[in-house]
PDB file of N, CA and C in Angstrom:
ATOM      1  N   MET A   1      -5.068   6.549 -11.325  1.00  0.00           N
ATOM      2  CA  MET A   1      -4.588   6.456  -9.901  1.00  0.00           C
ATOM      3  C   MET A   1      -3.032   7.415  -9.793  1.00  0.00           C
ATOM      4  N   ASN A   2      -3.721   8.234  -8.534  1.00  0.00           N
ATOM      5  CA  ASN A   2      -3.205   8.912  -8.972  1.00  0.00           C
ATOM      6  C   ASN A   2      -2.086   8.950  -6.721  1.00  0.00           C
ATOM      7  N   TRP A   3      -1.015   8.206  -7.781  1.00  0.00           N
ATOM      8  CA  TRP A   3       0.124   7.795  -5.966  1.00  0.00           C
ATOM      9  C   TRP A   3       0.574   9.135  -5.838  1.00  0.00           C
ATOM     10  N   ASN A   4       0.955   8.915  -3.848  1.00  0.00           N
ATOM     11  CA  ASN A   4       1.741   9.996  -3.127  1.00  0.00           C
ATOM     12  C   ASN A   4       2.367   9.185  -3.540  1.00  0.00           C
ATOM     13  N   TYR A   5       4.071   9.448  -3.292  1.00  0.00           N
ATOM     14  CA  TYR A   5       4.533   8.848  -3.550  1.00  0.00           C
ATOM     15  C   TYR A   5       5.814   8.894  -1.960  1.00  0.00           C
ATOM     16  N   LEU A   6       6.401   7.708  -1.170  1.00  0.00           N
ATOM     17  CA  LEU A   6       6.536   7.600   0.257  1.00  0.00           C
ATOM     18  C   LEU A   6       8.587   7.487  -0.700  1.00  0.00           C
ATOM     19  N   GLU A   7       8.783   8.760   0.175  1.00  0.00           N
ATOM     20  CA  GLU A   7      10.285   8.979  -0.024  1.00  0.00           C
ATOM     21  C   GLU A   7      10.932   9.182   1.013  1.00  0.00           C
ATOM     22  N   HIS A   8      11.180   9.904   2.812  1.00  0.00           N
ATOM     23  CA  HIS A   8      10.840  10.439   2.860  1.00  0.00           C
ATOM     24  C   HIS A   8      10.534   9.360   4.429  1.00  0.00           C
ATOM     25  N   ALA A   9      10.840   9.393   5.468  1.00  0.00           N
ATOM     26  CA  ALA A   9      10.783   8.191   6.649  1.00  0.00           C
ATOM     27  C   ALA A   9       9.551   9.370   7.304  1.00  0.00           C
ATOM     28  N   ASP A  10       9.355  10.876   7.387  1.00  0.00           N
ATOM     29  CA  ASP A  10       8.592  10.926   8.137  1.00  0.00           C
ATOM     30  C   ASP A  10       7.202  11.584   7.819  1.00  0.00           C
ATOM     31  N   GLN A  11       7.714  10.896   6.313  1.00  0.00           N
ATOM     32  CA  GLN A  11       6.569  10.794   5.617  1.00  0.00           C
ATOM     33  C   GLN A  11       4.867   9.712   6.505  1.00  0.00           C
ATOM     34  N   LEU A  12       5.743   8.752   7.432  1.00  0.00           N
ATOM     35  CA  LEU A  12       5.513   7.496   7.435  1.00  0.00           C
ATOM     36  C   LEU A  12       4.406   8.018   9.088  1.00  0.00           C
ATOM     37  N   ASN A  13       5.098   8.465   9.172  1.00  0.00           N
ATOM     38  CA  ASN A  13       3.949   9.167  10.859  1.00  0.00           C
ATOM     39  C   ASN A  13       3.152   9.930  10.063  1.00  0.00           C
ATOM     40  N   GLN A  14       3.332  11.267   9.348  1.00  0.00           N
ATOM     41  CA  GLN A  14       2.027  12.095   8.632  1.00  0.00           C
ATOM     42  C   GLN A  14       1.390  11.320   7.868  1.00  0.00           C
ATOM     43  N   LEU A  15       1.254   9.733   7.203  1.00  0.00           N
ATOM     44  CA  LEU A  15       0.151   8.774   6.844  1.00  0.00           C
ATOM     45  C   LEU A  15      -0.377   8.704   7.973  1.00  0.00           C
ATOM     46  N   ILE A  16       0.101   7.517   9.093  1.00  0.00           N
ATOM     47  CA  ILE A  16      -0.406   7.022   9.949  1.00  0.00           C
ATOM     48  C   ILE A  16      -1.402   8.409  10.715  1.00  0.00           C
ATOM     49  N   ASN A  17      -1.173   9.795  10.692  1.00  0.00           N
ATOM     50  CA  ASN A  17      -1.539  10.423  11.195  1.00  0.00           C
ATOM     51  C   ASN A  17      -3.080  10.450  10.339  1.00  0.00           C
ATOM     52  N   GLU A  18      -2.602  10.278   9.160  1.00  0.00           N
ATOM     53  CA  GLU A  18      -3.594  11.095   7.925  1.00  0.00           C
ATOM     54  C   GLU A  18      -4.635   9.837   8.338  1.00  0.00           C
ATOM     55  N   SER A  19      -4.621   8.488   8.476  1.00  0.00           N
ATOM     56  CA  SER A  19      -5.493   6.918   8.640  1.00  0.00           C
ATOM     57  C   SER A  19      -6.702   7.230   9.575  1.00  0.00           C
ATOM     58  N   ALA A  20      -6.487   8.856  11.049  1.00  0.00           N
ATOM     59  CA  ALA A  20      -7.399   8.881  12.093  1.00  0.00           C
ATOM     60  C   ALA A  20      -8.997   9.117  10.975  1.00  0.00           C
ATOM     61  N   ASP A  21      -8.593   9.537   9.760  1.00  0.00           N
ATOM     62  CA  ASP A  21     -10.513  10.372   9.203  1.00  0.00           C
ATOM     63  C   ASP A  21      -9.923   9.269   7.578  1.00  0.00           C
ATOM     64  N   THR A  22      -8.568   8.867   7.223  1.00  0.00           N
ATOM     65  CA  THR A  22      -8.932   8.210   5.746  1.00  0.00           C
ATOM     66  C   THR A  22      -8.249   6.865   5.140  1.00  0.00           C
ATOM     67  N   THR A  23      -8.835   6.181   4.809  1.00  0.00           N
ATOM     68  CA  THR A  23      -8.503   4.787   4.570  1.00  0.00           C
ATOM     69  C   THR A  23      -7.195   4.860   3.936  1.00  0.00           C
ATOM     70  N   ILE A  24      -5.770   4.391   4.448  1.00  0.00           N
ATOM     71  CA  ILE A  24      -5.097   4.565   3.639  1.00  0.00           C
ATOM     72  C   ILE A  24      -3.984   3.422   2.699  1.00  0.00           C
ATOM     73  N   LEU A  25      -3.907   3.830   1.877  1.00  0.00           N
ATOM     74  CA  LEU A  25      -3.253   1.769   1.026  1.00  0.00           C
ATOM     75  C   LEU A  25      -1.992   2.520   0.606  1.00  0.00           C
ATOM     76  N   ILE A  26      -0.693   1.786   1.162  1.00  0.00           N
ATOM     77  CA  ILE A  26       0.236   1.926   0.487  1.00  0.00           C
ATOM     78  C   ILE A  26      -0.044   0.140  -0.033  1.00  0.00           C
ATOM     79  N   PHE A  27       0.878   0.203  -0.960  1.00  0.00           N
ATOM     80  CA  PHE A  27       1.512  -0.837  -1.997  1.00  0.00           C
ATOM     81  C   PHE A  27       3.910  -0.316  -1.768  1.00  0.00           C
ATOM     82  N   LYS A  28       4.399  -1.825  -1.980  1.00  0.00           N
ATOM     83  CA  LYS A  28       5.430  -1.528  -2.099  1.00  0.00           C
ATOM     84  C   LYS A  28       5.510  -2.360  -3.094  1.00  0.00           C
ATOM     85  N   HIS A  29       6.852  -1.607  -4.036  1.00  0.00           N
ATOM     86  CA  HIS A  29       7.338  -1.952  -5.172  1.00  0.00           C
ATOM     87  C   HIS A  29       8.286  -2.592  -5.132  1.00  0.00           C
ATOM     88  N   SER A  30       9.073  -3.788  -5.896  1.00  0.00           N
ATOM     89  CA  SER A  30      10.363  -3.458  -6.870  1.00  0.00           C
ATOM     90  C   SER A  30      10.097  -3.546  -7.919  1.00  0.00           C
ATOM     91  N   THR A  31      11.287  -2.435  -8.202  1.00  0.00           N
ATOM     92  CA  THR A  31      10.811  -2.288  -9.704  1.00  0.00           C
ATOM     93  C   THR A  31      12.041  -3.613 -10.392  1.00  0.00           C
ATOM     94  N   ARG A  32      12.110  -4.668 -10.025  1.00  0.00           N
ATOM     95  CA  ARG A  32      13.290  -5.623 -10.018  1.00  0.00           C
ATOM     96  C   ARG A  32      12.657  -6.600 -10.908  1.00  0.00           C
ATOM     97  N   CYS A  33      11.335  -7.010  -9.545  1.00  0.00           N
ATOM     98  CA  CYS A  33      10.744  -7.698  -9.852  1.00  0.00           C
ATOM     99  C   CYS A  33       8.956  -7.834 -10.766  1.00  0.00           C
ATOM    100  N   ASN A  34       9.861  -8.941 -11.412  1.00  0.00           N
ATOM    101  CA  ASN A  34       8.844  -8.860 -13.332  1.00  0.00           C
ATOM    102  C   ASN A  34       7.085  -9.543 -11.500  1.00  0.00           C
ATOM    103  N   ILE A  35       6.888 -10.239 -11.069  1.00  0.00           N
ATOM    104  CA  ILE A  35       5.924 -10.237 -10.095  1.00  0.00           C
ATOM    105  C   ILE A  35       4.818  -9.011 -10.014  1.00  0.00           C
ATOM    106  N   SER A  36       6.131  -8.510  -9.331  1.00  0.00           N
ATOM    107  CA  SER A  36       5.544  -6.378  -8.289  1.00  0.00           C
ATOM    108  C   SER A  36       5.024  -6.046 -10.095  1.00  0.00           C
ATOM    109  N   ARG A  37       5.731  -6.419 -11.087  1.00  0.00           N
ATOM    110  CA  ARG A  37       5.441  -5.103 -12.119  1.00  0.00           C
ATOM    111  C   ARG A  37       3.433  -5.713 -12.390  1.00  0.00           C
ATOM    112  N   ALA A  38       3.773  -6.807 -12.763  1.00  0.00           N
ATOM    113  CA  ALA A  38       2.466  -7.051 -12.884  1.00  0.00           C
ATOM    114  C   ALA A  38       1.701  -7.606 -11.779  1.00  0.00           C
ATOM    115  N   THR A  39       1.878  -7.025 -10.703  1.00  0.00           N
ATOM    116  CA  THR A  39       0.727  -6.967 -10.115  1.00  0.00           C
ATOM    117  C   THR A  39       0.325  -5.384 -10.143  1.00  0.00           C
ATOM    118  N   LEU A  40       1.537  -4.457 -10.078  1.00  0.00           N
ATOM    119  CA  LEU A  40       0.800  -3.421  -9.705  1.00  0.00           C
ATOM    120  C   LEU A  40       0.658  -3.248 -10.890  1.00  0.00           C
ATOM    121  N   ASP A  41       0.353  -2.764 -12.486  1.00  0.00           N
ATOM    122  CA  ASP A  41       0.065  -3.301 -13.907  1.00  0.00           C
ATOM    123  C   ASP A  41      -1.593  -3.066 -13.058  1.00  0.00           C
ATOM    124  N   ARG A  42      -2.066  -4.970 -12.966  1.00  0.00           N
ATOM    125  CA  ARG A  42      -3.674  -4.966 -12.542  1.00  0.00           C
ATOM    126  C   ARG A  42      -4.465  -4.366 -11.314  1.00  0.00           C
ATOM    127  N   LEU A  43      -3.533  -4.197 -10.159  1.00  0.00           N
ATOM    128  CA  LEU A  43      -4.347  -2.840  -9.517  1.00  0.00           C
ATOM    129  C   LEU A  43      -4.048  -1.975  -9.931  1.00  0.00           C
ATOM    130  N   GLU A  44      -3.236  -1.495 -10.875  1.00  0.00           N
ATOM    131  CA  GLU A  44      -3.851   0.202 -11.002  1.00  0.00           C
ATOM    132  C   GLU A  44      -4.858   0.124 -12.355  1.00  0.00           C
ATOM    133  N   ARG A  45      -5.504  -0.942 -13.758  1.00  0.00           N
ATOM    134  CA  ARG A  45      -6.048  -1.872 -14.264  1.00  0.00           C
ATOM    135  C   ARG A  45      -7.684  -1.406 -13.689  1.00  0.00           C
ATOM    136  N   ASN A  46      -7.470  -1.767 -12.246  1.00  0.00           N
ATOM    137  CA  ASN A  46      -8.396  -2.051 -12.104  1.00  0.00           C
ATOM    138  C   ASN A  46      -8.874  -0.222 -10.967  1.00  0.00           C
ATOM    139  N   TRP A  47      -7.762  -0.200 -10.542  1.00  0.00           N
ATOM    140  CA  TRP A  47      -8.500   1.428 -10.132  1.00  0.00           C
ATOM    141  C   TRP A  47      -9.385   1.563 -11.266  1.00  0.00           C
ATOM    142  N   LYS A  48      -8.462   2.323 -11.879  1.00  0.00           N
ATOM    143  CA  LYS A  48      -9.353   3.137 -13.409  1.00  0.00           C
ATOM    144  C   LYS A  48     -10.679   2.976 -13.168  1.00  0.00           C
ATOM    145  N   ASP A  49     -10.998   1.841 -13.854  1.00  0.00           N
ATOM    146  CA  ASP A  49     -12.388   0.744 -13.901  1.00  0.00           C
ATOM    147  C   ASP A  49     -13.279   0.240 -12.704  1.00  0.00           C
ATOM    148  N   ALA A  50     -13.318   0.819 -11.119  1.00  0.00           N
ATOM    149  CA  ALA A  50     -13.779   0.606 -10.888  1.00  0.00           C
ATOM    150  C   ALA A  50     -13.577   1.885  -9.473  1.00  0.00           C
ATOM    151  N   GLU A  51     -15.028   2.102  -9.513  1.00  0.00           N
ATOM    152  CA  GLU A  51     -15.385   3.176  -8.013  1.00  0.00           C
ATOM    153  C   GLU A  51     -15.145   2.419  -7.347  1.00  0.00           C
ATOM    154  N   VAL A  52     -14.047   3.071  -6.307  1.00  0.00           N
ATOM    155  CA  VAL A  52     -12.873   3.466  -5.697  1.00  0.00           C
ATOM    156  C   VAL A  52     -14.128   3.920  -4.313  1.00  0.00           C
ATOM    157  N   PRO A  53     -13.065   3.108  -2.732  1.00  0.00           N
ATOM    158  CA  PRO A  53     -14.427   4.917  -2.015  1.00  0.00           C
ATOM    159  C   PRO A  53     -12.842   5.034  -0.945  1.00  0.00           C
ATOM    160  N   ASN A  54     -13.230   5.977  -0.712  1.00  0.00           N
ATOM    161  CA  ASN A  54     -12.138   7.383  -0.493  1.00  0.00           C
ATOM    162  C   ASN A  54     -11.001   6.824   0.522  1.00  0.00           C
ATOM    163  N   ILE A  55     -10.404   5.497  -0.484  1.00  0.00           N
ATOM    164  CA  ILE A  55      -8.354   5.515  -0.459  1.00  0.00           C
ATOM    165  C   ILE A  55      -7.445   6.536  -0.453  1.00  0.00           C
ATOM    166  N   LYS A  56      -6.735   7.183   0.518  1.00  0.00           N
ATOM    167  CA  LYS A  56      -5.333   8.155  -0.442  1.00  0.00           C
ATOM    168  C   LYS A  56      -3.919   6.811  -1.395  1.00  0.00           C
ATOM    169  N   PRO A  57      -4.170   6.464  -2.077  1.00  0.00           N
ATOM    170  CA  PRO A  57      -2.851   5.457  -2.220  1.00  0.00           C
ATOM    171  C   PRO A  57      -1.337   5.537  -2.340  1.00  0.00           C
ATOM    172  N   TYR A  58      -0.316   4.919  -1.528  1.00  0.00           N
ATOM    173  CA  TYR A  58       1.089   5.957  -1.509  1.00  0.00           C
ATOM    174  C   TYR A  58       1.968   4.056  -1.734  1.00  0.00           C
ATOM    175  N   PHE A  59       2.814   4.652  -2.660  1.00  0.00           N
ATOM    176  CA  PHE A  59       3.360   3.875  -3.908  1.00  0.00           C
ATOM    177  C   PHE A  59       5.159   4.219  -2.975  1.00  0.00           C
ATOM    178  N   LEU A  60       5.602   2.981  -2.710  1.00  0.00           N
ATOM    179  CA  LEU A  60       7.171   2.370  -1.910  1.00  0.00           C
ATOM    180  C   LEU A  60       7.832   2.370  -3.104  1.00  0.00           C
ATOM    181  N   ASP A  61       8.605   2.892  -3.163  1.00  0.00           N
ATOM    182  CA  ASP A  61       9.635   1.932  -4.786  1.00  0.00           C
ATOM    183  C   ASP A  61      11.336   1.215  -3.384  1.00  0.00           C
ATOM    184  N   LEU A  62      10.587   0.388  -2.746  1.00  0.00           N
ATOM    185  CA  LEU A  62      11.210  -0.259  -1.690  1.00  0.00           C
ATOM    186  C   LEU A  62      13.115  -0.749  -1.839  1.00  0.00           C
ATOM    187  N   LEU A  63      13.700  -0.311  -3.572  1.00  0.00           N
ATOM    188  CA  LEU A  63      14.895  -0.390  -3.478  1.00  0.00           C
ATOM    189  C   LEU A  63      15.291   0.765  -3.488  1.00  0.00           C
ATOM    190  N   SER A  64      14.303   1.510  -4.092  1.00  0.00           N
ATOM    191  CA  SER A  64      15.501   3.145  -3.284  1.00  0.00           C
ATOM    192  C   SER A  64      14.798   3.561  -1.986  1.00  0.00           C
ATOM    193  N   TYR A  65      13.972   2.785  -1.139  1.00  0.00           N
ATOM    194  CA  TYR A  65      13.547   2.931   0.336  1.00  0.00           C
ATOM    195  C   TYR A  65      13.842   2.288   0.768  1.00  0.00           C
ATOM    196  N   ARG A  66      14.773   1.506   0.766  1.00  0.00           N
ATOM    197  CA  ARG A  66      14.571  -0.349   2.190  1.00  0.00           C
ATOM    198  C   ARG A  66      14.127   0.523   2.990  1.00  0.00           C
ATOM    199  N   SER A  67      15.461   1.119   3.748  1.00  0.00           N
ATOM    200  CA  SER A  67      14.383   1.786   5.881  1.00  0.00           C
ATOM    201  C   SER A  67      12.782   1.836   5.404  1.00  0.00           C
ATOM    202  N   ILE A  68      13.083   3.120   5.123  1.00  0.00           N
ATOM    203  CA  ILE A  68      11.032   2.488   5.103  1.00  0.00           C
ATOM    204  C   ILE A  68      10.031   1.301   4.957  1.00  0.00           C
ATOM    205  N   SER A  69      10.897   1.027   4.328  1.00  0.00           N
ATOM    206  CA  SER A  69       9.859  -0.425   3.992  1.00  0.00           C
ATOM    207  C   SER A  69      10.259  -1.440   5.914  1.00  0.00           C
ATOM    208  N   ASN A  70      10.856  -1.276   6.078  1.00  0.00           N
ATOM    209  CA  ASN A  70      11.697  -2.119   6.548  1.00  0.00           C
ATOM    210  C   ASN A  70      10.671  -1.249   8.089  1.00  0.00           C
ATOM    211  N   SER A  71      10.351  -0.107   8.482  1.00  0.00           N
ATOM    212  CA  SER A  71       9.519   0.572   9.551  1.00  0.00           C
ATOM    213  C   SER A  71       8.288   0.502   9.642  1.00  0.00           C
ATOM    214  N   ILE A  72       8.061   0.473   7.944  1.00  0.00           N
ATOM    215  CA  ILE A  72       6.889  -0.147   7.906  1.00  0.00           C
ATOM    216  C   ILE A  72       6.579  -1.263   7.979  1.00  0.00           C
ATOM    217  N   ALA A  73       7.038  -2.156   8.120  1.00  0.00           N
ATOM    218  CA  ALA A  73       6.755  -4.026   8.497  1.00  0.00           C
ATOM    219  C   ALA A  73       7.238  -3.460  10.278  1.00  0.00           C
ATOM    220  N   ASP A  74       7.672  -3.096  10.486  1.00  0.00           N
ATOM    221  CA  ASP A  74       8.202  -2.752  11.981  1.00  0.00           C
ATOM    222  C   ASP A  74       6.842  -1.923  12.781  1.00  0.00           C
ATOM    223  N   GLN A  75       6.067  -1.021  11.949  1.00  0.00           N
ATOM    224  CA  GLN A  75       5.644  -0.139  12.028  1.00  0.00           C
ATOM    225  C   GLN A  75       3.918  -0.516  12.347  1.00  0.00           C
ATOM    226  N   PHE A  76       4.405  -1.450  12.291  1.00  0.00           N
ATOM    227  CA  PHE A  76       2.442  -2.352  11.212  1.00  0.00           C
ATOM    228  C   PHE A  76       2.226  -4.088  11.634  1.00  0.00           C
ATOM    229  N   GLN A  77       3.813  -3.968  12.680  1.00  0.00           N
ATOM    230  CA  GLN A  77       4.228  -5.178  12.836  1.00  0.00           C
ATOM    231  C   GLN A  77       3.697  -6.461  11.303  1.00  0.00           C
ATOM    232  N   VAL A  78       3.675  -6.403  10.858  1.00  0.00           N
ATOM    233  CA  VAL A  78       3.992  -7.190   9.126  1.00  0.00           C
ATOM    234  C   VAL A  78       4.673  -7.893   8.688  1.00  0.00           C
ATOM    235  N   GLU A  79       4.975  -8.820   7.950  1.00  0.00           N
ATOM    236  CA  GLU A  79       6.091  -9.177   7.784  1.00  0.00           C
ATOM    237  C   GLU A  79       6.652  -8.820   6.514  1.00  0.00           C
ATOM    238  N   HIS A  80       7.626  -8.318   6.101  1.00  0.00           N
ATOM    239  CA  HIS A  80       8.583  -7.651   4.539  1.00  0.00           C
ATOM    240  C   HIS A  80       8.038  -8.660   3.552  1.00  0.00           C
ATOM    241  N   GLN A  81       6.716  -7.889   2.415  1.00  0.00           N
ATOM    242  CA  GLN A  81       7.281  -8.908   1.388  1.00  0.00           C
ATOM    243  C   GLN A  81       6.794  -7.838  -0.120  1.00  0.00           C
ATOM    244  N   SER A  82       7.462  -7.749  -0.727  1.00  0.00           N
ATOM    245  CA  SER A  82       7.019  -7.357  -2.370  1.00  0.00           C
ATOM    246  C   SER A  82       6.548  -8.042  -3.099  1.00  0.00           C
ATOM    247  N   PRO A  83       6.052  -7.927  -3.912  1.00  0.00           N
ATOM    248  CA  PRO A  83       5.538  -7.077  -3.579  1.00  0.00           C
ATOM    249  C   PRO A  83       4.434  -6.974  -2.716  1.00  0.00           C
ATOM    250  N   GLN A  84       4.065  -5.988  -2.350  1.00  0.00           N
ATOM    251  CA  GLN A  84       2.271  -6.368  -0.836  1.00  0.00           C
ATOM    252  C   GLN A  84       1.802  -4.732  -0.976  1.00  0.00           C
ATOM    253  N   VAL A  85       0.319  -4.798  -0.883  1.00  0.00           N
ATOM    254  CA  VAL A  85      -0.153  -3.972  -0.201  1.00  0.00           C
ATOM    255  C   VAL A  85      -0.876  -4.097   2.213  1.00  0.00           C
ATOM    256  N   LEU A  86      -0.755  -2.987   1.674  1.00  0.00           N
ATOM    257  CA  LEU A  86      -1.782  -2.503   3.624  1.00  0.00           C
ATOM    258  C   LEU A  86      -2.539  -1.380   3.642  1.00  0.00           C
ATOM    259  N   ILE A  87      -3.406  -1.827   3.790  1.00  0.00           N
ATOM    260  CA  ILE A  87      -4.289  -0.708   4.567  1.00  0.00           C
ATOM    261  C   ILE A  87      -4.588  -0.394   5.464  1.00  0.00           C
ATOM    262  N   ILE A  88      -4.212   0.628   5.259  1.00  0.00           N
ATOM    263  CA  ILE A  88      -3.672   1.424   7.707  1.00  0.00           C
ATOM    264  C   ILE A  88      -5.790   1.906   7.129  1.00  0.00           C
ATOM    265  N   ARG A  89      -5.655   2.153   8.517  1.00  0.00           N
ATOM    266  CA  ARG A  89      -7.470   2.354   8.863  1.00  0.00           C
ATOM    267  C   ARG A  89      -6.573   2.574  10.779  1.00  0.00           C
ATOM    268  N   ARG A  90      -7.347   4.316  11.503  1.00  0.00           N
ATOM    269  CA  ARG A  90      -6.728   4.618  12.765  1.00  0.00           C
ATOM    270  C   ARG A  90      -5.256   4.071  12.740  1.00  0.00           C
ATOM    271  N   GLY A  91      -4.650   3.686  12.948  1.00  0.00           N
ATOM    272  CA  GLY A  91      -3.069   3.971  12.635  1.00  0.00           C
ATOM    273  C   GLY A  91      -2.462   2.283  12.981  1.00  0.00           C
ATOM    274  N   LYS A  92      -3.466   1.623  11.995  1.00  0.00           N
ATOM    275  CA  LYS A  92      -3.125  -0.687  11.952  1.00  0.00           C
ATOM    276  C   LYS A  92      -3.435  -0.777  10.422  1.00  0.00           C
ATOM    277  N   SER A  93      -2.755  -1.526  10.890  1.00  0.00           N
ATOM    278  CA  SER A  93      -2.511  -2.544   9.608  1.00  0.00           C
ATOM    279  C   SER A  93      -3.678  -2.936  10.580  1.00  0.00           C
ATOM    280  N   ILE A  94      -5.142  -3.074   9.051  1.00  0.00           N
ATOM    281  CA  ILE A  94      -6.650  -3.914   8.963  1.00  0.00           C
ATOM    282  C   ILE A  94      -6.755  -4.993   7.863  1.00  0.00           C
ATOM    283  N   TYR A  95      -5.185  -4.801   6.752  1.00  0.00           N
ATOM    284  CA  TYR A  95      -5.185  -5.745   5.390  1.00  0.00           C
ATOM    285  C   TYR A  95      -3.533  -5.996   4.841  1.00  0.00           C
ATOM    286  N   ASP A  96      -2.565  -6.512   4.970  1.00  0.00           N
ATOM    287  CA  ASP A  96      -2.148  -6.711   4.563  1.00  0.00           C
ATOM    288  C   ASP A  96      -2.225  -8.125   3.163  1.00  0.00           C
ATOM    289  N   ASN A  97      -1.807  -7.921   1.918  1.00  0.00           N
ATOM    290  CA  ASN A  97      -0.935  -9.024   1.026  1.00  0.00           C
ATOM    291  C   ASN A  97      -0.334  -8.803   0.712  1.00  0.00           C
ATOM    292  N   SER A  98       0.329 -10.154  -0.529  1.00  0.00           N
ATOM    293  CA  SER A  98       1.084  -9.829  -1.272  1.00  0.00           C
ATOM    294  C   SER A  98       1.025 -10.334  -2.009  1.00  0.00           C
ATOM    295  N   HIS A  99       1.911 -10.759  -3.150  1.00  0.00           N
ATOM    296  CA  HIS A  99       2.296 -11.126  -4.422  1.00  0.00           C
ATOM    297  C   HIS A  99       0.832 -11.002  -4.906  1.00  0.00           C
ATOM    298  N   TYR A 100       0.419 -12.281  -6.142  1.00  0.00           N
ATOM    299  CA  TYR A 100      -0.816 -12.857  -6.324  1.00  0.00           C
ATOM    300  C   TYR A 100      -2.064 -12.633  -5.829  1.00  0.00           C
ATOM    301  N   GLY A 101      -1.326 -13.056  -4.183  1.00  0.00           N
ATOM    302  CA  GLY A 101      -2.688 -12.507  -3.744  1.00  0.00           C
ATOM    303  C   GLY A 101      -3.090 -11.209  -2.902  1.00  0.00           C
ATOM    304  N   ILE A 102      -2.860  -9.936  -3.774  1.00  0.00           N
ATOM    305  CA  ILE A 102      -3.445  -8.658  -4.163  1.00  0.00           C
ATOM    306  C   ILE A 102      -4.425  -9.003  -4.543  1.00  0.00           C
ATOM    307  N   ASP A 103      -5.912  -8.143  -3.809  1.00  0.00           N
ATOM    308  CA  ASP A 103      -6.704  -8.660  -4.259  1.00  0.00           C
ATOM    309  C   ASP A 103      -7.567  -7.243  -4.939  1.00  0.00           C
ATOM    310  N   PHE A 104      -8.099  -6.672  -6.040  1.00  0.00           N
ATOM    311  CA  PHE A 104      -8.334  -4.894  -5.740  1.00  0.00           C
ATOM    312  C   PHE A 104     -10.422  -5.814  -5.123  1.00  0.00           C
ATOM    313  N   SER A 105     -10.850  -6.747  -5.119  1.00  0.00           N
ATOM    314  CA  SER A 105     -12.231  -6.770  -4.119  1.00  0.00           C
ATOM    315  C   SER A 105     -12.541  -6.414  -3.066  1.00  0.00           C
ATOM    316  N   GLU A 106     -10.921  -7.595  -3.048  1.00  0.00           N
ATOM    317  CA  GLU A 106     -10.169  -7.795  -1.680  1.00  0.00           C
ATOM    318  C   GLU A 106     -10.150  -6.202  -0.679  1.00  0.00           C
ATOM    319  N   ILE A 107      -9.414  -5.682  -1.617  1.00  0.00           N
ATOM    320  CA  ILE A 107      -9.032  -4.289  -1.103  1.00  0.00           C
ATOM    321  C   ILE A 107     -10.799  -3.047  -1.086  1.00  0.00           C
ATOM    322  N   ARG A 108     -10.682  -3.226  -1.896  1.00  0.00           N
ATOM    323  CA  ARG A 108     -12.352  -2.053  -1.753  1.00  0.00           C
ATOM    324  C   ARG A 108     -13.559  -2.816  -1.058  1.00  0.00           C
ATOM    325  N   GLU A 109     -13.439  -5.014  -0.623  1.00  0.00           N
ATOM    326  CA  GLU A 109     -14.550  -4.717   0.459  1.00  0.00           C
ATOM    327  C   GLU A 109     -13.665  -4.035   2.198  1.00  0.00           C
ATOM    328  N   LYS A 110     -12.084  -4.234   1.994  1.00  0.00           N
ATOM    329  CA  LYS A 110     -11.893  -3.624   3.769  1.00  0.00           C
ATOM    330  C   LYS A 110     -12.069  -2.392   3.414  1.00  0.00           C
ATOM    331  N   ALA A 111     -12.024  -1.109   2.922  1.00  0.00           N
ATOM    332  CA  ALA A 111     -11.524  -0.722   3.016  1.00  0.00           C
ATOM    333  C   ALA A 111     -13.623   1.140   3.419  1.00  0.00           C
ATOM    334  N   LYS A 112     -14.110  -0.120   2.394  1.00  0.00           N
ATOM    335  CA  LYS A 112     -15.971  -0.080   2.904  1.00  0.00           C
ATOM    336  C   LYS A 112     -16.071  -0.400   4.402  1.00  0.00           C
ATOM    337  N   ARG A 113     -14.792  -1.126   5.018  1.00  0.00           N
ATOM    338  CA  ARG A 113     -15.317  -1.360   6.457  1.00  0.00           C
ATOM    339  C   ARG A 113     -15.393   0.071   7.655  1.00  0.00           C
TER     340      ARG A 113
END
């Protein structure tokens, strides 16, 4: 999985602009959480083994960049969770889920629409 790392606040505007033409996935990860690690591992395993539609994946280490995580929650009107996945299309969150609710097949289905 070729992650694009969210490390600067201005990248949020960039990915919103990109979402006009490309489906964006944001994975918010806590490096101190075993559930987050397990969920990330499962997502990356499935990503490698499956044909993935046109999704550009972004990775956010929310412990290092909590202010960006807060901006994501505000911008897309979702409650902050960790781990958390959002799918962004045309500047709006069309899917968000957290913890063991993060499901690769759901992500793939949402991205197809």
